[in-house]
Amino acid sequence: MQNATHVESPCISICEMDANSGLCKGCFRTRDEIALWGGASNDERIAILDQLHARRVASGGRGRRQTRRGSMSLSTMQSNLKGN
């Protein structure tokens, strides 16, 4: 069972930077966000995820992609991290 306090990386192993946007084509993170992820707190990671969802929608995609967490909503994940 996965630890509920771990915020999973949005990486989907399509690691190619878009020259025009400066975003990874797979996860929509910037180079800085990718570099910071390993040392980021859960709150920082959630803030990055919030931005990714908006970027994905702006590019014509879905706001959330299905992950191993299944259909867990962002608000549920935030509640779990805060111990509620």
Protein backbone atom coordinates (compact mmCIF):
# COMPACT_ATOMS: atom_id res chain seq x y z
CA MET A 1 0.00 0.00 0.00
CA GLN A 2 1.37 3.42 -0.97
CA ASN A 3 2.05 5.97 1.76
CA ALA A 4 -0.77 8.55 1.63
CA THR A 5 1.63 11.39 2.49
CA HIS A 6 3.73 10.91 -0.64
CA VAL A 7 2.93 13.17 -3.60
CA GLU A 8 3.77 11.17 -6.71
CA SER A 9 5.79 12.74 -9.52
CA PRO A 10 3.74 13.76 -12.56
CA CYS A 11 6.44 12.31 -14.84
CA ILE A 12 5.03 9.91 -17.43
CA SER A 13 8.42 9.12 -19.03
CA ILE A 14 7.88 11.32 -22.07
CA CYS A 15 10.79 13.58 -21.25
CA GLU A 16 11.09 16.06 -24.10
CA MET A 17 11.11 19.81 -23.69
CA ASP A 18 8.97 21.89 -26.05
CA ALA A 19 11.17 24.61 -27.53
CA ASN A 20 8.31 27.12 -27.80
CA SER A 21 6.73 26.75 -24.37
CA GLY A 22 9.73 25.58 -22.37
CA LEU A 23 7.56 22.83 -20.86
CA CYS A 24 8.07 19.08 -20.81
CA LYS A 25 5.75 17.52 -23.40
CA GLY A 26 4.91 14.68 -21.02
CA CYS A 27 4.30 16.30 -17.64
CA PHE A 28 4.03 20.02 -18.51
CA ARG A 29 6.66 21.01 -15.92
CA THR A 30 9.39 23.59 -16.50
CA ARG A 31 13.05 22.61 -16.18
CA ASP A 32 13.15 24.42 -12.83
CA GLU A 33 10.11 22.50 -11.52
CA ILE A 34 11.64 19.21 -12.63
CA ALA A 35 14.92 20.05 -10.89
CA LEU A 36 13.19 21.18 -7.68
CA TRP A 37 10.77 18.22 -7.42
CA GLY A 38 13.07 15.89 -5.44
CA GLY A 39 13.63 18.42 -2.67
CA ALA A 40 10.16 19.97 -2.69
CA SER A 41 7.78 19.66 0.25
CA ASN A 42 4.37 18.07 -0.30
CA ASP A 43 2.76 21.54 -0.27
CA GLU A 44 5.21 22.74 -2.93
CA ARG A 45 4.53 19.62 -5.01
CA ILE A 46 0.77 20.17 -4.79
CA ALA A 47 1.23 23.79 -5.89
CA ILE A 48 3.21 22.58 -8.91
CA LEU A 49 0.51 19.99 -9.71
CA ASP A 50 -2.14 22.73 -9.60
CA GLN A 51 -0.18 24.68 -12.22
CA LEU A 52 0.27 21.59 -14.41
CA HIS A 53 -3.46 20.97 -14.57
CA ALA A 54 -4.06 24.55 -15.76
CA ARG A 55 -1.27 24.26 -18.35
CA ARG A 56 -2.64 20.98 -19.66
CA VAL A 57 -6.13 22.49 -20.09
CA ALA A 58 -4.68 25.61 -21.77
CA SER A 59 -2.90 23.37 -24.28
CA GLY A 60 -6.16 21.65 -25.18
CA GLY A 61 -5.79 18.58 -22.96
CA ARG A 62 -7.67 17.26 -19.97
CA GLY A 63 -7.06 18.94 -16.62
CA ARG A 64 -6.15 15.70 -14.88
CA ARG A 65 -4.67 12.56 -16.32
CA GLN A 66 -5.34 9.17 -14.78
CA THR A 67 -2.49 7.97 -12.59
CA ARG A 68 -1.88 5.03 -10.32
CA ARG A 69 -3.86 6.96 -7.73
CA GLY A 70 -6.87 6.38 -9.96
CA SER A 71 -9.60 8.93 -9.65
CA MET A 72 -8.51 10.46 -6.32
CA SER A 73 -9.33 14.15 -6.50
CA LEU A 74 -6.75 16.80 -5.71
CA SER A 75 -8.82 17.98 -2.74
CA THR A 76 -8.93 14.41 -1.34
CA MET A 77 -5.17 14.13 -1.72
CA GLN A 78 -4.67 17.49 0.03
CA SER A 79 -6.94 16.39 2.90
CA ASN A 80 -5.00 13.14 3.26
CA LEU A 81 -1.71 15.04 3.40
CA LYS A 82 -3.04 17.33 6.13
CA GLY A 83 -4.25 14.33 8.15
CA ASN A 84 -7.95 15.12 7.85
